[in-house]
Amino acid sequence: MATKVLIYNNDSNEMESHYLEESDTMPYATAGSITVGEFRGSSNSPTIWTNKAVMDCWNILREQWGSPIGVRYAFKRIWEGGHGTQLQH
């Protein structure tokens, strides 16, 4: 089943909506560097969200690192565990 991926695009000041499979690359991630499934991690949310600036920073980090970076998860809602009451990304 497709996941709804919301991306706030800070360049255009608009919210973008994508319906992607777990194996699809996250919007704005270069060269398949992080999939929807990797970004989602163990969250069971049918909708995940981030912003373009985060994905741009991911691209820079990944390029400077020079090799794949393992990602357990980048998204969790507050009540799904992690760091108390902090948003998880």
C-alpha atoms as a PDB file:
ATOM      1  CA  MET A   1       0.000   0.000   0.000  1.00  0.00           C
ATOM      2  CA  ALA A   2       1.256   3.466  -0.871  1.00  0.00           C
ATOM      3  CA  THR A   3       2.400   5.866   1.817  1.00  0.00           C
ATOM      4  CA  LYS A   4       1.364   9.503   1.738  1.00  0.00           C
ATOM      5  CA  VAL A   5       4.538  11.608   1.927  1.00  0.00           C
ATOM      6  CA  LEU A   6       4.107  15.305   2.691  1.00  0.00           C
ATOM      7  CA  ILE A   7       7.020  17.595   1.913  1.00  0.00           C
ATOM      8  CA  TYR A   8       7.025  21.272   2.801  1.00  0.00           C
ATOM      9  CA  ASN A   9       8.947  22.965  -0.002  1.00  0.00           C
ATOM     10  CA  ASN A  10      10.577  26.029   1.570  1.00  0.00           C
ATOM     11  CA  ASP A  11      11.620  27.291  -1.883  1.00  0.00           C
ATOM     12  CA  SER A  12       8.035  27.601  -3.132  1.00  0.00           C
ATOM     13  CA  ASN A  13       6.374  27.945   0.317  1.00  0.00           C
ATOM     14  CA  GLU A  14       4.012  25.076  -0.581  1.00  0.00           C
ATOM     15  CA  MET A  15       3.150  21.669   0.817  1.00  0.00           C
ATOM     16  CA  GLU A  16       3.632  18.837  -1.675  1.00  0.00           C
ATOM     17  CA  SER A  17       1.844  15.502  -1.468  1.00  0.00           C
ATOM     18  CA  HIS A  18       3.280  12.280  -2.907  1.00  0.00           C
ATOM     19  CA  TYR A  19       1.960   8.705  -2.790  1.00  0.00           C
ATOM     20  CA  LEU A  20       4.971   6.383  -2.767  1.00  0.00           C
ATOM     21  CA  GLU A  21       5.829   2.758  -2.063  1.00  0.00           C
ATOM     22  CA  GLU A  22       8.241   1.747   0.732  1.00  0.00           C
ATOM     23  CA  SER A  23      10.988   1.011  -1.814  1.00  0.00           C
ATOM     24  CA  ASP A  24      10.674   4.369  -3.591  1.00  0.00           C
ATOM     25  CA  THR A  25      13.272   7.081  -3.014  1.00  0.00           C
ATOM     26  CA  MET A  26      12.192   9.949  -0.774  1.00  0.00           C
ATOM     27  CA  PRO A  27      11.372  13.127  -2.699  1.00  0.00           C
ATOM     28  CA  TYR A  28      14.444  15.356  -3.160  1.00  0.00           C
ATOM     29  CA  ALA A  29      16.879  12.611  -2.026  1.00  0.00           C
ATOM     30  CA  THR A  30      19.597  12.074  -4.615  1.00  0.00           C
ATOM     31  CA  ALA A  31      20.533   8.756  -6.197  1.00  0.00           C
ATOM     32  CA  GLY A  32      18.187   6.599  -4.130  1.00  0.00           C
ATOM     33  CA  SER A  33      20.112   7.497  -0.965  1.00  0.00           C
ATOM     34  CA  ILE A  34      17.124   7.050   1.381  1.00  0.00           C
ATOM     35  CA  THR A  35      13.904   5.193   0.689  1.00  0.00           C
ATOM     36  CA  VAL A  36      10.445   5.871   2.055  1.00  0.00           C
ATOM     37  CA  GLY A  37      10.771   2.686   4.136  1.00  0.00           C
ATOM     38  CA  GLU A  38      14.098   3.760   5.646  1.00  0.00           C
ATOM     39  CA  PHE A  39      12.708   7.201   6.420  1.00  0.00           C
ATOM     40  CA  ARG A  40       9.552   5.725   8.000  1.00  0.00           C
ATOM     41  CA  GLY A  41      11.381   3.132  10.116  1.00  0.00           C
ATOM     42  CA  SER A  42       9.093   1.439  12.621  1.00  0.00           C
ATOM     43  CA  SER A  43       6.353   4.074  12.515  1.00  0.00           C
ATOM     44  CA  ASN A  44       2.953   2.715  11.514  1.00  0.00           C
ATOM     45  CA  SER A  45       1.678   6.087  10.310  1.00  0.00           C
ATOM     46  CA  PRO A  46       0.006   6.030   6.873  1.00  0.00           C
ATOM     47  CA  THR A  47       1.360   9.575   6.383  1.00  0.00           C
ATOM     48  CA  ILE A  48       4.928  10.753   6.903  1.00  0.00           C
ATOM     49  CA  TRP A  49       6.262  14.266   6.551  1.00  0.00           C
ATOM     50  CA  THR A  50       9.397  16.372   6.403  1.00  0.00           C
ATOM     51  CA  ASN A  51      10.603  19.432   4.532  1.00  0.00           C
ATOM     52  CA  LYS A  52      12.804  19.991   1.510  1.00  0.00           C
ATOM     53  CA  ALA A  53      15.504  21.696   3.589  1.00  0.00           C
ATOM     54  CA  VAL A  54      16.005  18.476   5.591  1.00  0.00           C
ATOM     55  CA  MET A  55      16.343  16.455   2.396  1.00  0.00           C
ATOM     56  CA  ASP A  56      18.794  19.029   0.978  1.00  0.00           C
ATOM     57  CA  CYS A  57      20.914  18.681   4.146  1.00  0.00           C
ATOM     58  CA  TRP A  58      20.721  14.878   3.824  1.00  0.00           C
ATOM     59  CA  ASN A  59      22.062  15.152   0.261  1.00  0.00           C
ATOM     60  CA  ILE A  60      24.996  17.309   1.384  1.00  0.00           C
ATOM     61  CA  LEU A  61      25.835  14.965   4.277  1.00  0.00           C
ATOM     62  CA  ARG A  62      25.592  11.899   2.050  1.00  0.00           C
ATOM     63  CA  GLU A  63      27.809  13.500  -0.610  1.00  0.00           C
ATOM     64  CA  GLN A  64      30.465  14.556   1.910  1.00  0.00           C
ATOM     65  CA  TRP A  65      30.380  11.157   3.664  1.00  0.00           C
ATOM     66  CA  GLY A  66      31.127   9.485   0.335  1.00  0.00           C
ATOM     67  CA  SER A  67      29.442   6.128   0.953  1.00  0.00           C
ATOM     68  CA  PRO A  68      26.036   4.769   1.994  1.00  0.00           C
ATOM     69  CA  ILE A  69      24.762   5.805   5.411  1.00  0.00           C
ATOM     70  CA  GLY A  70      22.632   3.289   7.305  1.00  0.00           C
ATOM     71  CA  VAL A  71      19.327   4.735   8.469  1.00  0.00           C
ATOM     72  CA  ARG A  72      17.203   2.906  11.063  1.00  0.00           C
ATOM     73  CA  TYR A  73      14.539   5.598  10.977  1.00  0.00           C
ATOM     74  CA  ALA A  74      14.213   9.321  10.419  1.00  0.00           C
ATOM     75  CA  PHE A  75      10.519   9.700  11.264  1.00  0.00           C
ATOM     76  CA  LYS A  76       8.534   8.903  14.389  1.00  0.00           C
ATOM     77  CA  ARG A  77       5.504  10.549  15.880  1.00  0.00           C
ATOM     78  CA  ILE A  78       5.867  11.706  19.488  1.00  0.00           C
ATOM     79  CA  TRP A  79       3.776   8.856  20.938  1.00  0.00           C
ATOM     80  CA  GLU A  80       5.681   6.166  19.003  1.00  0.00           C
ATOM     81  CA  GLY A  81       8.683   6.275  21.320  1.00  0.00           C
ATOM     82  CA  GLY A  82      12.099   7.788  21.078  1.00  0.00           C
ATOM     83  CA  HIS A  83      13.099  10.896  23.004  1.00  0.00           C
ATOM     84  CA  GLY A  84      10.184  11.557  25.334  1.00  0.00           C
ATOM     85  CA  THR A  85       7.941  14.319  24.020  1.00  0.00           C
ATOM     86  CA  GLN A  86      10.298  15.561  21.272  1.00  0.00           C
ATOM     87  CA  LEU A  87       9.524  15.239  17.572  1.00  0.00           C
ATOM     88  CA  GLN A  88      11.814  12.560  16.198  1.00  0.00           C
ATOM     89  CA  HIS A  89      13.441  14.413  13.281  1.00  0.00           C
END
